[in-house]
Amino acid sequence: MAEFPKHLYLILYPNEALVASQLTPEEFGKHYSVGSPRHFSGKVIFAEVDIDYRNDYFRIDDYLRITESGIPGRPKRSKFVKSYRVLEHVDFSALGKLYLVTTDGAVLGLDRSPGPEAAGDRNRIRLYQEICPLRILVASCLDPRQFGHYITEETWSKGAPRIFFTEYDLNVEEFVASDEIYGYNMGPLPNVNPTNLPTAVKELQEDPRKKTKTVNLNPNLDFVSYKSIKHGFWLSSGTETVFYRMPGMDELHRDHYSWWRRL
């Protein structure tokens, strides 16, 4: 029996990769965010993959065999299995907990859960951050399930076979109507041209055929707090959806205080 159990981790942010490791999820999250000299300081999001999962696209057995440090008492921290087109080749059924890592290495595990009730209100515009494999900030009149289905099945030029994304907790119409968007204070949208969101909202409101509008081509996740996440995180592939619920602030303070205080 190996001295340290082996794990498979699907990194979803800041890069896309399947990694073998002998670290626990908490150890891996801390190592990847602050312990590795090759990684910048920033958020990390990853999911544990069933160690028995196999897909011909990956050479999982080959890499698991060499996931050993060769030094007694020291676990192998990471062995990259694949760094290209990873998410589309991992079955959602093989995914375990999703882990959110703060910039200083604190790790919070989220369980899969039923998603919030659908609310397909055409008049409400949402702000989605695509995280993997696309990394675009998008305004849309679609609810999360509809958005995931649209990106993975209904659009060819702007889509992907599978998508991991979240919704920001922002009243878009109210934000656009305020003067804040036109000033130097960009509020909850740092690193975004202040005219982009009003332009996107105007196009969606004026054209009922339009379902999405790009707000920013660069990912915004490192510039906003986890506090800005609405509901949680979504994985979509056609009609298949997996949801990881984000605890509310009161719940985080009560049950995950050491993680909450680092936000």
Protein backbone atom coordinates (compact mmCIF):
# COMPACT_ATOMS: atom_id res chain seq x y z
CA MET A 1 0.00 0.00 0.00
CA ALA A 2 1.29 3.45 -0.93
CA GLU A 3 2.48 5.66 1.91
CA PHE A 4 0.22 8.46 0.71
CA PRO A 5 -3.13 7.95 -1.08
CA LYS A 6 -3.30 9.28 -4.63
CA HIS A 7 -5.86 11.77 -5.88
CA LEU A 8 -7.01 13.17 -9.20
CA TYR A 9 -7.83 16.87 -9.33
CA LEU A 10 -9.50 18.81 -12.14
CA ILE A 11 -8.17 22.36 -12.00
CA LEU A 12 -10.72 24.80 -13.41
CA TYR A 13 -9.01 28.09 -12.51
CA PRO A 14 -6.55 29.74 -13.14
CA ASN A 15 -5.71 27.09 -15.76
CA GLU A 16 -7.40 23.95 -17.02
CA ALA A 17 -5.63 20.72 -16.12
CA LEU A 18 -6.00 17.19 -14.80
CA VAL A 19 -3.45 16.61 -12.06
CA ALA A 20 -2.46 13.58 -9.99
CA SER A 21 -1.30 14.26 -6.45
CA GLN A 22 -0.61 12.66 -3.09
CA LEU A 23 -1.78 15.78 -1.26
CA THR A 24 -5.21 16.04 0.36
CA PRO A 25 -7.55 18.64 -1.20
CA GLU A 26 -6.69 21.14 1.53
CA GLU A 27 -2.96 20.56 1.09
CA PHE A 28 -3.24 20.69 -2.69
CA GLY A 29 -5.18 23.96 -2.66
CA LYS A 30 -2.63 25.63 -0.39
CA HIS A 31 0.29 24.26 -2.42
CA TYR A 32 -1.15 25.38 -5.74
CA SER A 33 -2.08 28.88 -4.55
CA VAL A 34 0.92 29.85 -2.43
CA GLY A 35 3.29 26.87 -2.13
CA SER A 36 4.46 26.50 -5.71
CA PRO A 37 7.03 28.96 -7.12
CA ARG A 38 5.56 28.44 -10.58
CA HIS A 39 2.08 29.78 -9.71
CA PHE A 40 1.15 33.43 -9.24
CA SER A 41 -0.74 34.57 -6.18
CA GLY A 42 -4.45 34.32 -6.90
CA LYS A 43 -7.62 32.29 -6.53
CA VAL A 44 -7.68 28.58 -7.38
CA ILE A 45 -10.76 26.47 -8.11
CA PHE A 46 -10.57 22.72 -8.56
CA ALA A 47 -12.69 19.58 -8.18
CA GLU A 48 -11.75 16.12 -7.02
CA VAL A 49 -12.17 13.41 -9.66
CA ASP A 50 -13.00 9.79 -8.81
CA ILE A 51 -9.65 7.99 -8.65
CA ASP A 52 -11.18 5.11 -10.64
CA TYR A 53 -12.31 7.36 -13.50
CA ARG A 54 -10.81 6.53 -16.88
CA ASN A 55 -11.12 8.03 -20.35
CA ASP A 56 -9.04 7.04 -23.37
CA TYR A 57 -8.17 10.71 -23.88
CA PHE A 58 -6.03 10.61 -20.72
CA ARG A 59 -3.13 8.32 -19.81
CA ILE A 60 -4.26 8.26 -16.19
CA ASP A 61 -2.76 4.91 -15.20
CA ASP A 62 0.62 5.84 -16.65
CA TYR A 63 0.77 9.06 -14.66
CA LEU A 64 -0.61 7.60 -11.44
CA ARG A 65 2.21 5.06 -11.50
CA ILE A 66 4.80 7.83 -11.45
CA THR A 67 2.99 9.99 -8.90
CA GLU A 68 5.59 9.30 -6.23
CA SER A 69 8.15 11.74 -4.85
CA GLY A 70 10.83 9.08 -4.45
CA ILE A 71 11.63 10.51 -1.02
CA PRO A 72 10.36 8.58 2.04
CA GLY A 73 7.87 10.58 4.06
CA ARG A 74 7.32 13.16 1.34
CA PRO A 75 4.18 13.08 -0.88
CA LYS A 76 4.29 13.90 -4.58
CA ARG A 77 2.61 17.28 -4.72
CA SER A 78 1.53 17.36 -8.37
CA LYS A 79 1.94 15.38 -11.57
CA PHE A 80 0.17 16.89 -14.54
CA VAL A 81 -1.78 14.32 -16.55
CA LYS A 82 -3.17 16.69 -19.19
CA SER A 83 -3.41 20.44 -19.74
CA TYR A 84 -5.51 20.69 -22.91
CA ARG A 85 -9.25 20.14 -23.51
CA VAL A 86 -9.57 18.54 -20.10
CA LEU A 87 -13.06 19.52 -18.91
CA GLU A 88 -14.78 18.19 -22.03
CA HIS A 89 -13.31 14.73 -21.38
CA VAL A 90 -14.27 14.38 -17.71
CA ASP A 91 -17.72 12.94 -17.03
CA PHE A 92 -19.70 14.99 -14.55
CA SER A 93 -20.59 11.78 -12.72
CA ALA A 94 -16.89 11.40 -11.78
CA LEU A 95 -16.71 14.77 -10.03
CA GLY A 96 -16.72 15.04 -6.26
CA LYS A 97 -16.45 18.18 -4.19
CA LEU A 98 -15.56 21.55 -5.68
CA TYR A 99 -12.87 23.48 -3.80
CA LEU A 100 -12.52 27.26 -3.63
CA VAL A 101 -9.08 28.51 -2.62
CA THR A 102 -8.40 32.05 -1.41
CA THR A 103 -5.33 34.01 -2.44
CA ASP A 104 -3.59 33.00 0.80
CA GLY A 105 -4.34 29.29 0.50
CA ALA A 106 -7.50 28.74 2.59
CA VAL A 107 -9.68 25.99 1.11
CA LEU A 108 -13.48 25.61 1.18
CA GLY A 109 -15.15 22.44 -0.13
CA LEU A 110 -18.59 22.64 -1.77
CA ASP A 111 -20.90 19.67 -2.26
CA ARG A 112 -23.08 19.09 -5.29
CA SER A 113 -26.63 20.19 -4.58
CA PRO A 114 -29.94 20.94 -6.30
CA GLY A 115 -29.81 24.26 -8.09
CA PRO A 116 -32.07 27.23 -7.38
CA GLU A 117 -35.41 27.26 -9.13
CA ALA A 118 -35.36 28.36 -12.76
CA ALA A 119 -36.43 31.94 -13.36
CA GLY A 120 -36.40 32.60 -17.09
CA ASP A 121 -37.38 36.26 -16.95
CA ARG A 122 -36.47 37.90 -20.25
CA ASN A 123 -36.57 41.32 -18.60
CA ARG A 124 -33.88 40.45 -16.07
CA ILE A 125 -30.29 40.60 -17.23
CA ARG A 126 -27.65 38.55 -15.46
CA LEU A 127 -23.89 38.80 -15.42
CA TYR A 128 -22.04 35.52 -15.91
CA GLN A 129 -18.34 34.83 -15.52
CA GLU A 130 -17.32 31.94 -17.76
CA ILE A 131 -14.42 30.25 -15.99
CA CYS A 132 -13.44 27.13 -17.94
CA PRO A 133 -12.63 26.51 -20.75
CA LEU A 134 -13.91 29.94 -21.83
CA ARG A 135 -13.03 32.91 -19.62
CA ILE A 136 -15.35 35.68 -20.76
CA LEU A 137 -17.60 38.04 -18.76
CA VAL A 138 -21.06 37.85 -20.36
CA ALA A 139 -24.38 39.63 -19.89
CA SER A 140 -27.43 37.52 -20.69
CA CYS A 141 -31.20 37.43 -20.37
CA LEU A 142 -31.03 33.63 -19.83
CA ASP A 143 -31.19 31.95 -16.43
CA PRO A 144 -28.18 29.75 -15.47
CA ARG A 145 -29.56 26.48 -16.87
CA GLN A 146 -30.63 28.16 -20.09
CA PHE A 147 -27.27 29.92 -20.34
CA GLY A 148 -25.33 26.67 -19.88
CA HIS A 149 -27.47 24.93 -22.51
CA TYR A 150 -27.05 27.83 -24.93
CA ILE A 151 -23.25 27.93 -24.59
CA THR A 152 -22.82 24.16 -24.95
CA GLU A 153 -25.44 23.33 -27.60
CA GLU A 154 -27.04 26.35 -29.24
CA THR A 155 -24.09 28.50 -30.29
CA TRP A 156 -21.14 27.35 -32.34
CA SER A 157 -19.00 30.48 -32.59
CA LYS A 158 -19.08 31.41 -28.89
CA GLY A 159 -19.58 28.04 -27.27
CA ALA A 160 -17.82 24.96 -25.93
CA PRO A 161 -18.85 21.32 -25.37
CA ARG A 162 -18.89 21.92 -21.62
CA ILE A 163 -18.73 25.07 -19.53
CA PHE A 164 -17.96 25.95 -15.92
CA PHE A 165 -19.31 29.33 -14.86
CA THR A 166 -20.83 31.42 -12.11
CA GLU A 167 -23.25 34.33 -11.82
CA TYR A 168 -22.26 37.54 -10.09
CA ASP A 169 -24.63 38.88 -7.46
CA LEU A 170 -25.35 42.17 -9.18
CA ASN A 171 -28.54 44.02 -10.03
CA VAL A 172 -27.39 44.86 -13.53
CA GLU A 173 -30.17 47.29 -14.46
CA GLU A 174 -29.82 49.20 -11.19
CA PHE A 175 -26.05 49.33 -11.54
CA VAL A 176 -26.24 50.65 -15.10
CA ALA A 177 -28.81 53.28 -14.10
CA SER A 178 -26.53 54.66 -11.38
CA ASP A 179 -23.82 57.25 -11.98
CA GLU A 180 -21.27 54.89 -10.46
CA ILE A 181 -20.70 53.13 -13.76
CA TYR A 182 -19.51 56.31 -15.45
CA GLY A 183 -17.08 57.43 -12.76
CA TYR A 184 -13.62 56.33 -11.80
CA ASN A 185 -15.14 54.06 -9.15
CA MET A 186 -16.17 50.99 -11.13
CA GLY A 187 -17.81 49.35 -8.12
CA PRO A 188 -18.17 45.58 -8.45
CA LEU A 189 -16.68 45.48 -11.96
CA PRO A 190 -12.98 46.27 -11.68
CA ASN A 191 -10.83 45.69 -14.76
CA VAL A 192 -13.82 46.39 -17.04
CA ASN A 193 -14.31 49.44 -19.25
CA PRO A 194 -17.18 51.34 -17.54
CA THR A 195 -19.08 51.76 -20.81
CA ASN A 196 -19.14 48.03 -21.64
CA LEU A 197 -21.98 46.95 -19.36
CA PRO A 198 -24.42 49.76 -20.35
CA THR A 199 -23.75 48.97 -24.01
CA ALA A 200 -24.40 45.26 -23.47
CA VAL A 201 -27.61 45.89 -21.54
CA LYS A 202 -28.91 48.27 -24.20
CA GLU A 203 -28.34 45.71 -26.97
CA LEU A 204 -30.05 42.91 -25.03
CA GLN A 205 -33.04 45.10 -24.20
CA GLU A 206 -33.47 46.36 -27.75
CA ASP A 207 -33.06 43.06 -29.60
CA PRO A 208 -35.26 40.18 -28.29
CA ARG A 209 -33.39 37.74 -30.55
CA LYS A 210 -30.11 38.40 -28.76
CA LYS A 211 -29.36 36.05 -25.84
CA THR A 212 -25.86 37.05 -24.77
CA LYS A 213 -23.51 39.98 -25.06
CA THR A 214 -19.81 39.97 -24.18
CA VAL A 215 -18.87 42.53 -21.51
CA ASN A 216 -15.17 41.72 -21.12
CA LEU A 217 -12.79 39.32 -22.83
CA ASN A 218 -10.56 38.98 -19.79
CA PRO A 219 -11.53 36.92 -16.73
CA ASN A 220 -12.61 39.04 -13.79
CA LEU A 221 -12.51 36.40 -11.08
CA ASP A 222 -9.24 37.51 -9.50
CA PHE A 223 -10.48 41.09 -9.16
CA VAL A 224 -13.67 40.35 -7.23
CA SER A 225 -14.35 38.64 -3.91
CA TYR A 226 -16.01 35.27 -3.52
CA LYS A 227 -18.67 37.36 -1.76
CA SER A 228 -19.81 38.49 -5.21
CA ILE A 229 -20.90 34.97 -6.23
CA LYS A 230 -24.68 34.52 -6.58
CA HIS A 231 -26.02 31.06 -5.69
CA GLY A 232 -22.86 29.12 -6.59
CA PHE A 233 -21.07 27.48 -9.51
CA TRP A 234 -22.46 25.64 -12.52
CA LEU A 235 -21.19 22.93 -14.84
CA SER A 236 -23.22 22.48 -18.01
CA SER A 237 -23.17 20.14 -20.97
CA GLY A 238 -26.32 20.38 -23.04
CA THR A 239 -29.20 19.43 -20.75
CA GLU A 240 -26.85 17.98 -18.11
CA THR A 241 -26.20 20.38 -15.24
CA VAL A 242 -24.22 20.13 -12.02
CA PHE A 243 -24.55 22.81 -9.35
CA TYR A 244 -22.35 23.58 -6.35
CA ARG A 245 -24.08 25.86 -3.86
CA MET A 246 -22.12 28.75 -2.36
CA PRO A 247 -22.91 29.16 1.36
CA GLY A 248 -24.29 32.50 2.45
CA MET A 249 -22.19 34.91 4.51
CA ASP A 250 -23.91 33.98 7.79
CA GLU A 251 -23.33 30.28 7.11
CA LEU A 252 -19.70 30.88 6.21
CA HIS A 253 -19.15 32.91 9.36
CA ARG A 254 -20.77 30.23 11.52
CA ASP A 255 -19.42 27.03 9.93
CA HIS A 256 -16.32 28.04 7.97
CA TYR A 257 -14.96 30.99 9.92
CA SER A 258 -11.27 30.42 9.13
CA TRP A 259 -12.09 30.60 5.39
CA TRP A 260 -14.63 33.42 5.73
CA ARG A 261 -12.25 35.78 7.54
CA ARG A 262 -9.81 35.61 4.61
CA LEU A 263 -12.31 36.97 2.07
